[in-house]
């Protein structure tokens, strides 16, 4: 089984792998991508809320 990964560490399918191995690798990659995207989304929401609050404070000065 080939052990190829992306630069972010997501497992990649490979033509030399049997389908069963690649299904597991693709599932792990999707789970990791989902986890990373959720983390980014939470960071963006937090930054946006902080920005709005700081903008609100400056508005009243």
Protein backbone atom coordinates (compact mmCIF):
# COMPACT_ATOMS: atom_id res chain seq x y z
CA UNK A 1 0.00 0.00 0.00
CA UNK A 2 1.35 3.40 -0.99
CA UNK A 3 1.28 6.03 1.77
CA UNK A 4 0.89 9.28 -0.17
CA UNK A 5 -0.34 12.39 1.65
CA UNK A 6 -1.02 16.01 0.79
CA UNK A 7 1.08 18.83 2.22
CA UNK A 8 -1.58 19.22 4.93
CA UNK A 9 -1.34 15.53 5.80
CA UNK A 10 -4.55 14.32 4.18
CA UNK A 11 -4.24 10.74 2.91
CA UNK A 12 -4.49 10.37 -0.85
CA UNK A 13 -5.74 7.40 -2.90
CA UNK A 14 -3.16 5.71 -5.09
CA UNK A 15 -3.54 3.48 -8.18
CA UNK A 16 -1.51 0.69 -6.54
CA UNK A 17 -3.83 0.48 -3.52
CA UNK A 18 -6.76 -1.91 -3.45
CA UNK A 19 -10.17 -0.21 -3.34
CA UNK A 20 -10.84 -1.19 0.28
CA UNK A 21 -7.68 0.59 1.42
CA UNK A 22 -8.48 3.72 -0.56
CA UNK A 23 -12.05 3.91 0.76
CA UNK A 24 -10.69 4.08 4.29
CA UNK A 25 -8.07 6.67 3.29
CA UNK A 26 -10.64 8.83 1.48
CA UNK A 27 -12.97 8.67 4.48
CA UNK A 28 -10.15 9.76 6.81
CA UNK A 29 -9.25 12.60 4.46
CA UNK A 30 -12.86 13.83 4.33
CA UNK A 31 -13.14 13.68 8.12
CA UNK A 32 -9.90 15.64 8.53
CA UNK A 33 -10.94 18.24 5.94
CA UNK A 34 -14.29 18.65 7.70
CA UNK A 35 -12.53 19.07 11.04
CA UNK A 36 -10.15 21.67 9.58
CA UNK A 37 -12.97 23.59 7.89
CA UNK A 38 -15.06 23.64 11.08
CA UNK A 39 -12.08 24.97 13.01
CA UNK A 40 -11.51 27.71 10.41
CA UNK A 41 -15.20 28.60 10.42
CA UNK A 42 -15.16 28.98 14.21
CA UNK A 43 -12.04 31.17 14.01
CA UNK A 44 -13.66 33.38 11.38
CA UNK A 45 -16.85 33.74 13.43
CA UNK A 46 -14.84 34.65 16.49
CA UNK A 47 -12.77 37.21 14.58
CA UNK A 48 -15.89 38.71 13.01
CA UNK A 49 -17.66 39.00 16.38
CA UNK A 50 -14.59 40.65 17.93
CA UNK A 51 -14.31 43.03 14.96
CA UNK A 52 -17.98 43.99 15.24
CA UNK A 53 -17.63 44.62 18.96
CA UNK A 54 -14.49 46.75 18.50
CA UNK A 55 -16.19 48.69 15.68
CA UNK A 56 -19.20 49.25 17.94
CA UNK A 57 -16.97 50.57 20.72
CA UNK A 58 -15.20 52.98 18.37
CA UNK A 59 -18.54 54.16 17.01
CA UNK A 60 -19.54 55.52 20.41
CA UNK A 61 -16.24 57.30 21.14
